[in-house]
Amino acid sequence: MQIDFPFIDCKTPGVDKYFAAMDITVIGTVTVQFRYDPNDETKITDPITITGDTRAKQSIPVEITSTALAPVFKSSDSALVQLDAFSFHYDNLGVN
């Protein structure tokens, strides 16, 4: 299974953002990577493995500065995988 999201600009296109962390609700286990350069989609982070609902725990550190991120979720497991929700914790840089 693979889910490729488009670039998410958090309603401020072209503005740098510091993506500090993310929360995710998933059934099963997935890896997530982030495309971070809308002009070069081959640039992608190393994978992070996530199991279950992170909202009740500590958020997953992301620590990327970019104008937008495109998450890529993958699972090679034959067990059920269900992605219910994810959210980013970020700050706009240079915008008042």
Protein backbone atom coordinates (compact mmCIF):
# COMPACT_ATOMS: atom_id res chain seq x y z
CA MET A 1 0.00 0.00 0.00
CA GLN A 2 1.22 3.48 -0.81
CA ILE A 3 -0.54 6.82 -0.41
CA ASP A 4 1.11 9.85 -2.04
CA PHE A 5 -0.32 13.20 -0.97
CA PRO A 6 0.11 16.39 -3.00
CA PHE A 7 2.20 19.21 -1.55
CA ILE A 8 0.43 20.78 1.43
CA ASP A 9 1.18 24.51 1.81
CA CYS A 10 -1.05 25.20 4.85
CA LYS A 11 -2.85 28.03 3.01
CA THR A 12 0.33 30.11 2.70
CA PRO A 13 1.89 29.19 -0.66
CA GLY A 14 5.48 30.26 -1.24
CA VAL A 15 6.07 31.05 2.44
CA ASP A 16 8.72 29.08 4.35
CA LYS A 17 7.38 27.05 7.25
CA TYR A 18 9.10 25.20 10.05
CA PHE A 19 7.33 21.84 10.29
CA ALA A 20 8.22 20.74 13.82
CA ALA A 21 6.11 17.62 14.33
CA MET A 22 3.11 15.61 13.23
CA ASP A 23 0.37 13.53 14.77
CA ILE A 24 -1.23 10.58 13.03
CA THR A 25 -4.09 8.18 13.60
CA VAL A 26 -3.54 4.88 11.83
CA ILE A 27 -4.57 1.29 12.28
CA GLY A 28 -1.57 -0.95 11.69
CA THR A 29 1.98 0.13 10.89
CA VAL A 30 3.14 2.52 8.17
CA THR A 31 6.28 4.35 7.19
CA VAL A 32 6.05 8.01 6.31
CA GLN A 33 8.46 10.05 4.22
CA PHE A 34 8.16 13.67 3.14
CA ARG A 35 8.82 15.25 -0.20
CA TYR A 36 9.99 18.75 0.73
CA ASP A 37 10.89 20.49 -2.55
CA PRO A 38 7.93 21.19 -4.88
CA ASN A 39 10.43 21.87 -7.69
CA ASP A 40 12.17 18.49 -7.32
CA GLU A 41 9.91 15.63 -6.21
CA THR A 42 12.87 13.23 -6.02
CA LYS A 43 13.99 14.94 -2.79
CA ILE A 44 12.48 12.87 0.02
CA THR A 45 13.32 12.26 3.68
CA ASP A 46 14.31 8.98 5.27
CA PRO A 47 11.32 6.86 6.40
CA ILE A 48 9.82 7.02 9.90
CA THR A 49 7.89 3.95 11.13
CA ILE A 50 4.63 4.69 12.94
CA THR A 51 2.16 2.35 14.64
CA GLY A 52 -1.24 3.39 16.00
CA ASP A 53 -2.52 6.72 17.27
CA THR A 54 0.24 9.19 18.20
CA ARG A 55 -2.16 11.85 19.53
CA ALA A 56 -2.26 10.31 23.00
CA LYS A 57 1.54 10.08 23.03
CA GLN A 58 4.37 12.40 22.07
CA SER A 59 4.13 13.92 18.56
CA ILE A 60 6.42 12.55 15.83
CA PRO A 61 9.35 14.97 15.24
CA VAL A 62 9.59 16.15 11.63
CA GLU A 63 11.88 19.22 11.76
CA ILE A 64 11.79 20.35 8.14
CA THR A 65 11.82 23.90 6.77
CA SER A 66 10.05 24.15 3.42
CA THR A 67 7.26 26.03 1.66
CA ALA A 68 5.22 22.79 1.51
CA LEU A 69 5.38 19.08 2.35
CA ALA A 70 4.03 16.05 0.50
CA PRO A 71 3.66 13.03 2.81
CA VAL A 72 4.15 9.53 1.39
CA PHE A 73 2.72 6.70 3.50
CA LYS A 74 3.75 3.10 2.76
CA SER A 75 3.09 -0.36 4.15
CA SER A 76 4.45 -3.65 2.85
CA ASP A 77 2.63 -5.61 5.56
CA SER A 78 -0.25 -7.90 4.56
CA ALA A 79 -2.19 -6.88 7.70
CA LEU A 80 -4.95 -4.26 7.69
CA VAL A 81 -3.73 -0.68 7.39
CA GLN A 82 -6.09 2.26 7.72
CA LEU A 83 -4.96 5.89 7.71
CA ASP A 84 -7.60 7.97 9.48
CA ALA A 85 -5.95 11.36 10.03
CA PHE A 86 -2.71 13.28 10.26
CA SER A 87 -1.84 16.85 11.21
CA PHE A 88 1.27 19.00 11.20
CA HIS A 89 2.57 21.29 13.94
CA TYR A 90 4.28 24.18 12.15
CA ASP A 91 5.13 27.89 12.24
CA ASN A 92 5.14 30.27 9.30
CA LEU A 93 8.52 31.98 8.97
CA GLY A 94 8.75 35.64 8.01
CA VAL A 95 4.99 36.23 7.99
CA ASN A 96 3.16 38.39 10.53
